[in-house]
Amino acid sequence: MEDNDPVGYKSRKVEKAKKECKITPVSLPRYSPDLNPLDYFLWSEVERRMAKHKTKPKKSMAAFKQRLRRTALAIPSPVIRKAVAGMKKRAKAIYDANSHDIAMD
């Protein structure tokens, strides 16, 4: 799979190597969050956890950022691994959709 940044994998050398190896790349949908666990998982998980433990509004942005950081870092590793493990399913869905955006749960 290739994202839509043409640097590197669009060079003549890379194009020649892909042709020789009979590699047909699958492009990612433009600006798609579908294969980025931060986009499709982490931020909603952080929001959910922060809403679950509502506190009185803090007086500063620095305090909010500290709470946000603590919340993100407290997400257990197995939860993160489960999100990353979904990459195979998501990659297949994008392939099946001919590199278009996908609707995933």
PDB file of N, CA and C in Angstrom:
ATOM      1  N   MET A   1       0.845  -1.168   0.000  1.00  0.00           N
ATOM      2  CA  MET A   1       0.000   0.000   0.000  1.00  0.00           C
ATOM      3  C   MET A   1       0.892   1.233   0.000  1.00  0.00           C
ATOM      4  N   GLU A   2       0.435   2.262  -0.651  1.00  0.00           N
ATOM      5  CA  GLU A   2       1.167   3.510  -0.722  1.00  0.00           C
ATOM      6  C   GLU A   2       0.251   4.649  -0.315  1.00  0.00           C
ATOM      7  N   ASP A   3       0.806   5.558   0.486  1.00  0.00           N
ATOM      8  CA  ASP A   3       0.010   6.745   0.757  1.00  0.00           C
ATOM      9  C   ASP A   3       0.151   7.684  -0.431  1.00  0.00           C
ATOM     10  N   ASN A   4      -0.419   8.865  -0.340  1.00  0.00           N
ATOM     11  CA  ASN A   4      -0.427   9.724  -1.514  1.00  0.00           C
ATOM     12  C   ASN A   4       0.686  10.774  -1.494  1.00  0.00           C
ATOM     13  N   ASP A   5       1.762  10.497  -0.786  1.00  0.00           N
ATOM     14  CA  ASP A   5       2.943  11.358  -0.819  1.00  0.00           C
ATOM     15  C   ASP A   5       3.896  10.762  -1.847  1.00  0.00           C
ATOM     16  N   PRO A   6       4.107  11.440  -2.963  1.00  0.00           N
ATOM     17  CA  PRO A   6       4.876  10.838  -4.057  1.00  0.00           C
ATOM     18  C   PRO A   6       6.380  10.733  -3.843  1.00  0.00           C
ATOM     19  N   VAL A   7       6.908  11.267  -2.765  1.00  0.00           N
ATOM     20  CA  VAL A   7       8.353  11.231  -2.543  1.00  0.00           C
ATOM     21  C   VAL A   7       8.804   9.785  -2.324  1.00  0.00           C
ATOM     22  N   GLY A   8       9.851   9.383  -2.981  1.00  0.00           N
ATOM     23  CA  GLY A   8      10.438   8.060  -2.758  1.00  0.00           C
ATOM     24  C   GLY A   8       9.865   6.964  -3.617  1.00  0.00           C
ATOM     25  N   TYR A   9       8.676   6.514  -3.310  1.00  0.00           N
ATOM     26  CA  TYR A   9       8.153   5.360  -4.041  1.00  0.00           C
ATOM     27  C   TYR A   9       7.701   5.697  -5.456  1.00  0.00           C
ATOM     28  N   LYS A  10       7.695   6.969  -5.830  1.00  0.00           N
ATOM     29  CA  LYS A  10       7.340   7.358  -7.198  1.00  0.00           C
ATOM     30  C   LYS A  10       8.578   7.623  -8.057  1.00  0.00           C
ATOM     31  N   SER A  11       9.754   7.433  -7.499  1.00  0.00           N
ATOM     32  CA  SER A  11      10.977   7.670  -8.272  1.00  0.00           C
ATOM     33  C   SER A  11      11.085   6.635  -9.392  1.00  0.00           C
ATOM     34  N   ARG A  12      11.867   6.955 -10.411  1.00  0.00           N
ATOM     35  CA  ARG A  12      12.036   6.025 -11.532  1.00  0.00           C
ATOM     36  C   ARG A  12      12.618   4.695 -11.065  1.00  0.00           C
ATOM     37  N   LYS A  13      13.552   4.762 -10.150  1.00  0.00           N
ATOM     38  CA  LYS A  13      14.192   3.544  -9.634  1.00  0.00           C
ATOM     39  C   LYS A  13      13.164   2.636  -8.940  1.00  0.00           C
ATOM     40  N   VAL A  14      12.320   3.233  -8.135  1.00  0.00           N
ATOM     41  CA  VAL A  14      11.297   2.450  -7.431  1.00  0.00           C
ATOM     42  C   VAL A  14      10.256   1.932  -8.414  1.00  0.00           C
ATOM     43  N   GLU A  15       9.844   2.775  -9.345  1.00  0.00           N
ATOM     44  CA  GLU A  15       8.861   2.334 -10.351  1.00  0.00           C
ATOM     45  C   GLU A  15       9.408   1.142 -11.141  1.00  0.00           C
ATOM     46  N   LYS A  16      10.689   1.205 -11.503  1.00  0.00           N
ATOM     47  CA  LYS A  16      11.320   0.102 -12.246  1.00  0.00           C
ATOM     48  C   LYS A  16      11.355  -1.171 -11.388  1.00  0.00           C
ATOM     49  N   ALA A  17      11.709  -1.048 -10.134  1.00  0.00           N
ATOM     50  CA  ALA A  17      11.769  -2.211  -9.228  1.00  0.00           C
ATOM     51  C   ALA A  17      10.388  -2.830  -9.049  1.00  0.00           C
ATOM     52  N   LYS A  18       9.366  -1.999  -8.905  1.00  0.00           N
ATOM     53  CA  LYS A  18       8.002  -2.538  -8.763  1.00  0.00           C
ATOM     54  C   LYS A  18       7.591  -3.294 -10.020  1.00  0.00           C
ATOM     55  N   LYS A  19       7.943  -2.746 -11.177  1.00  0.00           N
ATOM     56  CA  LYS A  19       7.594  -3.399 -12.439  1.00  0.00           C
ATOM     57  C   LYS A  19       8.318  -4.739 -12.567  1.00  0.00           C
ATOM     58  N   GLU A  20       9.612  -4.752 -12.243  1.00  0.00           N
ATOM     59  CA  GLU A  20      10.393  -5.991 -12.317  1.00  0.00           C
ATOM     60  C   GLU A  20       9.868  -7.060 -11.361  1.00  0.00           C
ATOM     61  N   CYS A  21       9.410  -6.634 -10.203  1.00  0.00           N
ATOM     62  CA  CYS A  21       8.900  -7.576  -9.190  1.00  0.00           C
ATOM     63  C   CYS A  21       7.407  -7.851  -9.349  1.00  0.00           C
ATOM     64  N   LYS A  22       6.816  -7.266 -10.380  1.00  0.00           N
ATOM     65  CA  LYS A  22       5.388  -7.424 -10.659  1.00  0.00           C
ATOM     66  C   LYS A  22       4.525  -7.014  -9.462  1.00  0.00           C
ATOM     67  N   ILE A  23       4.898  -5.872  -8.875  1.00  0.00           N
ATOM     68  CA  ILE A  23       4.156  -5.328  -7.739  1.00  0.00           C
ATOM     69  C   ILE A  23       3.158  -4.303  -8.253  1.00  0.00           C
ATOM     70  N   THR A  24       1.910  -4.488  -7.909  1.00  0.00           N
ATOM     71  CA  THR A  24       0.874  -3.528  -8.235  1.00  0.00           C
ATOM     72  C   THR A  24       0.456  -2.858  -6.927  1.00  0.00           C
ATOM     73  N   PRO A  25       0.859  -1.615  -6.721  1.00  0.00           N
ATOM     74  CA  PRO A  25       0.542  -0.959  -5.459  1.00  0.00           C
ATOM     75  C   PRO A  25      -0.930  -0.593  -5.341  1.00  0.00           C
ATOM     76  N   VAL A  26      -1.393  -0.510  -4.123  1.00  0.00           N
ATOM     77  CA  VAL A  26      -2.742  -0.050  -3.820  1.00  0.00           C
ATOM     78  C   VAL A  26      -2.578   1.295  -3.131  1.00  0.00           C
ATOM     79  N   SER A  27      -3.126   2.330  -3.721  1.00  0.00           N
ATOM     80  CA  SER A  27      -3.024   3.657  -3.129  1.00  0.00           C
ATOM     81  C   SER A  27      -4.031   3.817  -2.001  1.00  0.00           C
ATOM     82  N   LEU A  28      -3.654   4.597  -1.013  1.00  0.00           N
ATOM     83  CA  LEU A  28      -4.575   4.898   0.075  1.00  0.00           C
ATOM     84  C   LEU A  28      -5.499   6.023  -0.339  1.00  0.00           C
ATOM     85  N   PRO A  29      -6.712   6.029   0.202  1.00  0.00           N
ATOM     86  CA  PRO A  29      -7.594   7.166  -0.081  1.00  0.00           C
ATOM     87  C   PRO A  29      -6.955   8.458   0.431  1.00  0.00           C
ATOM     88  N   ARG A  30      -7.114   9.527  -0.293  1.00  0.00           N
ATOM     89  CA  ARG A  30      -6.521  10.807   0.081  1.00  0.00           C
ATOM     90  C   ARG A  30      -7.059  11.275   1.434  1.00  0.00           C
ATOM     91  N   TYR A  31      -6.169  11.697   2.307  1.00  0.00           N
ATOM     92  CA  TYR A  31      -6.506  12.203   3.638  1.00  0.00           C
ATOM     93  C   TYR A  31      -7.346  11.216   4.443  1.00  0.00           C
ATOM     94  N   SER A  32      -7.128   9.963   4.253  1.00  0.00           N
ATOM     95  CA  SER A  32      -7.934   8.951   4.911  1.00  0.00           C
ATOM     96  C   SER A  32      -7.403   8.594   6.292  1.00  0.00           C
ATOM     97  N   PRO A  33      -8.280   8.554   7.278  1.00  0.00           N
ATOM     98  CA  PRO A  33      -7.880   8.094   8.608  1.00  0.00           C
ATOM     99  C   PRO A  33      -7.993   6.578   8.749  1.00  0.00           C
ATOM    100  N   ASP A  34      -8.403   5.901   7.685  1.00  0.00           N
ATOM    101  CA  ASP A  34      -8.739   4.491   7.783  1.00  0.00           C
ATOM    102  C   ASP A  34      -7.598   3.579   8.216  1.00  0.00           C
ATOM    103  N   LEU A  35      -6.366   3.956   7.959  1.00  0.00           N
ATOM    104  CA  LEU A  35      -5.236   3.111   8.355  1.00  0.00           C
ATOM    105  C   LEU A  35      -4.335   3.779   9.392  1.00  0.00           C
ATOM    106  N   ASN A  36      -4.841   4.757  10.072  1.00  0.00           N
ATOM    107  CA  ASN A  36      -4.067   5.430  11.100  1.00  0.00           C
ATOM    108  C   ASN A  36      -4.755   5.213  12.450  1.00  0.00           C
ATOM    109  N   PRO A  37      -4.188   4.353  13.302  1.00  0.00           N
ATOM    110  CA  PRO A  37      -4.831   4.075  14.592  1.00  0.00           C
ATOM    111  C   PRO A  37      -5.065   5.321  15.442  1.00  0.00           C
ATOM    112  N   LEU A  38      -4.248   6.348  15.273  1.00  0.00           N
ATOM    113  CA  LEU A  38      -4.491   7.587  16.014  1.00  0.00           C
ATOM    114  C   LEU A  38      -5.824   8.194  15.602  1.00  0.00           C
ATOM    115  N   ASP A  39      -6.114   8.143  14.314  1.00  0.00           N
ATOM    116  CA  ASP A  39      -7.350   8.735  13.807  1.00  0.00           C
ATOM    117  C   ASP A  39      -8.575   7.870  14.062  1.00  0.00           C
ATOM    118  N   TYR A  40      -8.491   6.587  13.779  1.00  0.00           N
ATOM    119  CA  TYR A  40      -9.697   5.763  13.893  1.00  0.00           C
ATOM    120  C   TYR A  40      -9.910   5.189  15.277  1.00  0.00           C
ATOM    121  N   PHE A  41      -8.949   5.334  16.167  1.00  0.00           N
ATOM    122  CA  PHE A  41      -9.118   4.733  17.478  1.00  0.00           C
ATOM    123  C   PHE A  41      -8.724   5.635  18.638  1.00  0.00           C
ATOM    124  N   LEU A  42      -7.483   6.072  18.670  1.00  0.00           N
ATOM    125  CA  LEU A  42      -6.932   6.673  19.878  1.00  0.00           C
ATOM    126  C   LEU A  42      -7.678   7.913  20.355  1.00  0.00           C
ATOM    127  N   TRP A  43      -7.960   8.860  19.451  1.00  0.00           N
ATOM    128  CA  TRP A  43      -8.590  10.093  19.916  1.00  0.00           C
ATOM    129  C   TRP A  43      -9.982   9.844  20.463  1.00  0.00           C
ATOM    130  N   SER A  44     -10.761   8.963  19.861  1.00  0.00           N
ATOM    131  CA  SER A  44     -12.093   8.681  20.411  1.00  0.00           C
ATOM    132  C   SER A  44     -11.986   7.964  21.755  1.00  0.00           C
ATOM    133  N   GLU A  45     -10.981   7.104  21.899  1.00  0.00           N
ATOM    134  CA  GLU A  45     -10.762   6.416  23.178  1.00  0.00           C
ATOM    135  C   GLU A  45     -10.368   7.417  24.265  1.00  0.00           C
ATOM    136  N   VAL A  46      -9.502   8.355  23.945  1.00  0.00           N
ATOM    137  CA  VAL A  46      -9.101   9.382  24.915  1.00  0.00           C
ATOM    138  C   VAL A  46     -10.313  10.238  25.299  1.00  0.00           C
ATOM    139  N   GLU A  47     -11.101  10.653  24.309  1.00  0.00           N
ATOM    140  CA  GLU A  47     -12.296  11.450  24.594  1.00  0.00           C
ATOM    141  C   GLU A  47     -13.261  10.695  25.495  1.00  0.00           C
ATOM    142  N   ARG A  48     -13.455   9.409  25.198  1.00  0.00           N
ATOM    143  CA  ARG A  48     -14.360   8.592  26.004  1.00  0.00           C
ATOM    144  C   ARG A  48     -13.877   8.509  27.445  1.00  0.00           C
ATOM    145  N   ARG A  49     -12.589   8.270  27.619  1.00  0.00           N
ATOM    146  CA  ARG A  49     -12.026   8.144  28.964  1.00  0.00           C
ATOM    147  C   ARG A  49     -12.049   9.479  29.715  1.00  0.00           C
ATOM    148  N   MET A  50     -11.819  10.573  29.014  1.00  0.00           N
ATOM    149  CA  MET A  50     -11.863  11.883  29.676  1.00  0.00           C
ATOM    150  C   MET A  50     -13.282  12.236  30.089  1.00  0.00           C
ATOM    151  N   ALA A  51     -14.260  11.911  29.252  1.00  0.00           N
ATOM    152  CA  ALA A  51     -15.657  12.193  29.578  1.00  0.00           C
ATOM    153  C   ALA A  51     -16.121  11.341  30.765  1.00  0.00           C
ATOM    154  N   LYS A  52     -15.598  10.144  30.858  1.00  0.00           N
ATOM    155  CA  LYS A  52     -15.962   9.222  31.936  1.00  0.00           C
ATOM    156  C   LYS A  52     -15.514   9.761  33.295  1.00  0.00           C
ATOM    157  N   HIS A  53     -14.414  10.486  33.308  1.00  0.00           N
ATOM    158  CA  HIS A  53     -13.852  11.021  34.547  1.00  0.00           C
ATOM    159  C   HIS A  53     -13.860  12.546  34.510  1.00  0.00           C
ATOM    160  N   LYS A  54     -15.055  13.090  34.355  1.00  0.00           N
ATOM    161  CA  LYS A  54     -15.158  14.555  34.280  1.00  0.00           C
ATOM    162  C   LYS A  54     -14.675  15.174  35.579  1.00  0.00           C
ATOM    163  N   THR A  55     -13.966  16.248  35.429  1.00  0.00           N
ATOM    164  CA  THR A  55     -13.496  17.003  36.577  1.00  0.00           C
ATOM    165  C   THR A  55     -13.939  18.450  36.413  1.00  0.00           C
ATOM    166  N   LYS A  56     -13.787  19.211  37.465  1.00  0.00           N
ATOM    167  CA  LYS A  56     -14.112  20.631  37.369  1.00  0.00           C
ATOM    168  C   LYS A  56     -13.176  21.259  36.341  1.00  0.00           C
ATOM    169  N   PRO A  57     -13.677  22.221  35.595  1.00  0.00           N
ATOM    170  CA  PRO A  57     -12.806  22.871  34.600  1.00  0.00           C
ATOM    171  C   PRO A  57     -11.529  23.403  35.249  1.00  0.00           C
ATOM    172  N   LYS A  58     -10.429  23.131  34.612  1.00  0.00           N
ATOM    173  CA  LYS A  58      -9.143  23.604  35.116  1.00  0.00           C
ATOM    174  C   LYS A  58      -8.966  25.073  34.745  1.00  0.00           C
ATOM    175  N   LYS A  59      -8.118  25.722  35.483  1.00  0.00           N
ATOM    176  CA  LYS A  59      -7.904  27.138  35.252  1.00  0.00           C
ATOM    177  C   LYS A  59      -6.953  27.421  34.099  1.00  0.00           C
ATOM    178  N   SER A  60      -6.228  26.404  33.662  1.00  0.00           N
ATOM    179  CA  SER A  60      -5.240  26.686  32.623  1.00  0.00           C
ATOM    180  C   SER A  60      -5.247  25.618  31.536  1.00  0.00           C
ATOM    181  N   MET A  61      -4.764  26.029  30.380  1.00  0.00           N
ATOM    182  CA  MET A  61      -4.598  25.095  29.270  1.00  0.00           C
ATOM    183  C   MET A  61      -3.534  24.069  29.620  1.00  0.00           C
ATOM    184  N   ALA A  62      -2.519  24.478  30.355  1.00  0.00           N
ATOM    185  CA  ALA A  62      -1.446  23.561  30.755  1.00  0.00           C
ATOM    186  C   ALA A  62      -2.002  22.409  31.590  1.00  0.00           C
ATOM    187  N   ALA A  63      -2.924  22.706  32.495  1.00  0.00           N
ATOM    188  CA  ALA A  63      -3.528  21.657  33.324  1.00  0.00           C
ATOM    189  C   ALA A  63      -4.352  20.698  32.462  1.00  0.00           C
ATOM    190  N   PHE A  64      -5.079  21.256  31.505  1.00  0.00           N
ATOM    191  CA  PHE A  64      -5.859  20.408  30.599  1.00  0.00           C
ATOM    192  C   PHE A  64      -4.942  19.494  29.796  1.00  0.00           C
ATOM    193  N   LYS A  65      -3.864  20.044  29.283  1.00  0.00           N
ATOM    194  CA  LYS A  65      -2.916  19.249  28.499  1.00  0.00           C
ATOM    195  C   LYS A  65      -2.293  18.139  29.336  1.00  0.00           C
ATOM    196  N   GLN A  66      -2.002  18.428  30.585  1.00  0.00           N
ATOM    197  CA  GLN A  66      -1.458  17.402  31.481  1.00  0.00           C
ATOM    198  C   GLN A  66      -2.454  16.273  31.667  1.00  0.00           C
ATOM    199  N   ARG A  67      -3.709  16.635  31.883  1.00  0.00           N
ATOM    200  CA  ARG A  67      -4.764  15.613  32.048  1.00  0.00           C
ATOM    201  C   ARG A  67      -4.930  14.797  30.770  1.00  0.00           C
ATOM    202  N   LEU A  68      -4.918  15.463  29.640  1.00  0.00           N
ATOM    203  CA  LEU A  68      -5.026  14.788  28.348  1.00  0.00           C
ATOM    204  C   LEU A  68      -3.874  13.795  28.168  1.00  0.00           C
ATOM    205  N   ARG A  69      -2.681  14.219  28.473  1.00  0.00           N
ATOM    206  CA  ARG A  69      -1.498  13.348  28.362  1.00  0.00           C
ATOM    207  C   ARG A  69      -1.602  12.149  29.300  1.00  0.00           C
ATOM    208  N   ARG A  70      -1.960  12.399  30.546  1.00  0.00           N
ATOM    209  CA  ARG A  70      -2.112  11.295  31.516  1.00  0.00           C
ATOM    210  C   ARG A  70      -3.155  10.283  31.036  1.00  0.00           C
ATOM    211  N   THR A  71      -4.252  10.801  30.512  1.00  0.00           N
ATOM    212  CA  THR A  71      -5.327   9.923  30.028  1.00  0.00           C
ATOM    213  C   THR A  71      -4.847   9.067  28.869  1.00  0.00           C
ATOM    214  N   ALA A  72      -4.172   9.671  27.897  1.00  0.00           N
ATOM    215  CA  ALA A  72      -3.678   8.911  26.737  1.00  0.00           C
ATOM    216  C   ALA A  72      -2.644   7.875  27.166  1.00  0.00           C
ATOM    217  N   LEU A  73      -1.740   8.253  28.034  1.00  0.00           N
ATOM    218  CA  LEU A  73      -0.689   7.318  28.468  1.00  0.00           C
ATOM    219  C   LEU A  73      -1.219   6.201  29.357  1.00  0.00           C
ATOM    220  N   ALA A  74      -2.405   6.389  29.933  1.00  0.00           N
ATOM    221  CA  ALA A  74      -2.984   5.373  30.812  1.00  0.00           C
ATOM    222  C   ALA A  74      -3.755   4.296  30.054  1.00  0.00           C
ATOM    223  N   ILE A  75      -3.919   4.458  28.755  1.00  0.00           N
ATOM    224  CA  ILE A  75      -4.626   3.423  27.980  1.00  0.00           C
ATOM    225  C   ILE A  75      -3.761   2.167  28.000  1.00  0.00           C
ATOM    226  N   PRO A  76      -4.319   1.048  28.452  1.00  0.00           N
ATOM    227  CA  PRO A  76      -3.526  -0.185  28.568  1.00  0.00           C
ATOM    228  C   PRO A  76      -2.998  -0.677  27.216  1.00  0.00           C
ATOM    229  N   SER A  77      -1.817  -1.252  27.242  1.00  0.00           N
ATOM    230  CA  SER A  77      -1.184  -1.771  26.028  1.00  0.00           C
ATOM    231  C   SER A  77      -2.071  -2.751  25.262  1.00  0.00           C
ATOM    232  N   PRO A  78      -2.785  -3.673  25.937  1.00  0.00           N
ATOM    233  CA  PRO A  78      -3.647  -4.587  25.170  1.00  0.00           C
ATOM    234  C   PRO A  78      -4.724  -3.862  24.357  1.00  0.00           C
ATOM    235  N   VAL A  79      -5.201  -2.743  24.856  1.00  0.00           N
ATOM    236  CA  VAL A  79      -6.206  -1.965  24.118  1.00  0.00           C
ATOM    237  C   VAL A  79      -5.575  -1.377  22.856  1.00  0.00           C
ATOM    238  N   ILE A  80      -4.363  -0.851  22.997  1.00  0.00           N
ATOM    239  CA  ILE A  80      -3.648  -0.296  21.844  1.00  0.00           C
ATOM    240  C   ILE A  80      -3.336  -1.408  20.841  1.00  0.00           C
ATOM    241  N   ARG A  81      -2.877  -2.565  21.334  1.00  0.00           N
ATOM    242  CA  ARG A  81      -2.560  -3.689  20.432  1.00  0.00           C
ATOM    243  C   ARG A  81      -3.787  -4.129  19.647  1.00  0.00           C
ATOM    244  N   LYS A  82      -4.940  -4.145  20.296  1.00  0.00           N
ATOM    245  CA  LYS A  82      -6.174  -4.543  19.615  1.00  0.00           C
ATOM    246  C   LYS A  82      -6.496  -3.577  18.466  1.00  0.00           C
ATOM    247  N   ALA A  83      -6.290  -2.292  18.701  1.00  0.00           N
ATOM    248  CA  ALA A  83      -6.545  -1.292  17.645  1.00  0.00           C
ATOM    249  C   ALA A  83      -5.600  -1.493  16.473  1.00  0.00           C
ATOM    250  N   VAL A  84      -4.331  -1.713  16.764  1.00  0.00           N
ATOM    251  CA  VAL A  84      -3.342  -1.915  15.701  1.00  0.00           C
ATOM    252  C   VAL A  84      -3.608  -3.231  14.968  1.00  0.00           C
ATOM    253  N   ALA A  85      -4.071  -4.240  15.693  1.00  0.00           N
ATOM    254  CA  ALA A  85      -4.368  -5.535  15.064  1.00  0.00           C
ATOM    255  C   ALA A  85      -5.473  -5.414  14.013  1.00  0.00           C
ATOM    256  N   GLY A  86      -6.311  -4.403  14.124  1.00  0.00           N
ATOM    257  CA  GLY A  86      -7.371  -4.196  13.145  1.00  0.00           C
ATOM    258  C   GLY A  86      -6.865  -3.698  11.803  1.00  0.00           C
ATOM    259  N   MET A  87      -5.569  -3.394  11.722  1.00  0.00           N
ATOM    260  CA  MET A  87      -4.999  -2.875  10.481  1.00  0.00           C
ATOM    261  C   MET A  87      -5.169  -3.842   9.311  1.00  0.00           C
ATOM    262  N   LYS A  88      -5.000  -5.131   9.551  1.00  0.00           N
ATOM    263  CA  LYS A  88      -5.113  -6.114   8.466  1.00  0.00           C
ATOM    264  C   LYS A  88      -6.522  -6.068   7.858  1.00  0.00           C
ATOM    265  N   LYS A  89      -7.517  -6.040   8.711  1.00  0.00           N
ATOM    266  CA  LYS A  89      -8.910  -5.987   8.250  1.00  0.00           C
ATOM    267  C   LYS A  89      -9.170  -4.684   7.479  1.00  0.00           C
ATOM    268  N   ARG A  90      -8.640  -3.584   7.998  1.00  0.00           N
ATOM    269  CA  ARG A  90      -8.826  -2.294   7.348  1.00  0.00           C
ATOM    270  C   ARG A  90      -8.109  -2.238   5.992  1.00  0.00           C
ATOM    271  N   ALA A  91      -6.890  -2.773   5.936  1.00  0.00           N
ATOM    272  CA  ALA A  91      -6.138  -2.789   4.671  1.00  0.00           C
ATOM    273  C   ALA A  91      -6.891  -3.596   3.618  1.00  0.00           C
ATOM    274  N   LYS A  92      -7.439  -4.728   4.011  1.00  0.00           N
ATOM    275  CA  LYS A  92      -8.206  -5.550   3.071  1.00  0.00           C
ATOM    276  C   LYS A  92      -9.459  -4.802   2.601  1.00  0.00           C
ATOM    277  N   ALA A  93     -10.120  -4.125   3.516  1.00  0.00           N
ATOM    278  CA  ALA A  93     -11.325  -3.377   3.140  1.00  0.00           C
ATOM    279  C   ALA A  93     -10.994  -2.273   2.134  1.00  0.00           C
ATOM    280  N   ILE A  94      -9.867  -1.602   2.316  1.00  0.00           N
ATOM    281  CA  ILE A  94      -9.455  -0.562   1.364  1.00  0.00           C
ATOM    282  C   ILE A  94      -9.128  -1.185   0.012  1.00  0.00           C
ATOM    283  N   TYR A  95      -8.438  -2.321   0.036  1.00  0.00           N
ATOM    284  CA  TYR A  95      -8.129  -3.024  -1.214  1.00  0.00           C
ATOM    285  C   TYR A  95      -9.424  -3.406  -1.931  1.00  0.00           C
ATOM    286  N   ASP A  96     -10.371  -3.977  -1.181  1.00  0.00           N
ATOM    287  CA  ASP A  96     -11.652  -4.398  -1.764  1.00  0.00           C
ATOM    288  C   ASP A  96     -12.458  -3.209  -2.297  1.00  0.00           C
ATOM    289  N   ALA A  97     -12.234  -2.034  -1.707  1.00  0.00           N
ATOM    290  CA  ALA A  97     -12.949  -0.824  -2.136  1.00  0.00           C
ATOM    291  C   ALA A  97     -12.184  -0.071  -3.221  1.00  0.00           C
ATOM    292  N   ASN A  98     -11.195  -0.724  -3.831  1.00  0.00           N
ATOM    293  CA  ASN A  98     -10.405  -0.093  -4.885  1.00  0.00           C
ATOM    294  C   ASN A  98      -9.810   1.249  -4.450  1.00  0.00           C
ATOM    295  N   SER A  99      -9.228   1.238  -3.259  1.00  0.00           N
ATOM    296  CA  SER A  99      -8.532   2.396  -2.689  1.00  0.00           C
ATOM    297  C   SER A  99      -9.425   3.563  -2.362  1.00  0.00           C
ATOM    298  N   HIS A 100     -10.698   3.320  -2.174  1.00  0.00           N
ATOM    299  CA  HIS A 100     -11.613   4.387  -1.767  1.00  0.00           C
ATOM    300  C   HIS A 100     -11.802   4.324  -0.260  1.00  0.00           C
ATOM    301  N   ASP A 101     -12.386   5.375   0.300  1.00  0.00           N
ATOM    302  CA  ASP A 101     -12.667   5.387   1.733  1.00  0.00           C
ATOM    303  C   ASP A 101     -13.555   4.210   2.102  1.00  0.00           C
ATOM    304  N   ILE A 102     -13.431   3.788   3.344  1.00  0.00           N
ATOM    305  CA  ILE A 102     -14.206   2.644   3.824  1.00  0.00           C
ATOM    306  C   ILE A 102     -15.019   3.063   5.041  1.00  0.00           C
ATOM    307  N   ALA A 103     -16.068   2.335   5.294  1.00  0.00           N
ATOM    308  CA  ALA A 103     -16.866   2.543   6.508  1.00  0.00           C
ATOM    309  C   ALA A 103     -16.585   1.377   7.434  1.00  0.00           C
ATOM    310  N   MET A 104     -15.949   1.659   8.553  1.00  0.00           N
ATOM    311  CA  MET A 104     -15.616   0.617   9.511  1.00  0.00           C
ATOM    312  C   MET A 104     -16.209   0.985  10.852  1.00  0.00           C
ATOM    313  N   ASP A 105     -16.445  -0.029  11.655  1.00  0.00           N
ATOM    314  CA  ASP A 105     -16.927   0.213  13.034  1.00  0.00           C
ATOM    315  C   ASP A 105     -15.789   0.659  13.899  1.00  0.00           C
TER     316      ASP A 105
END
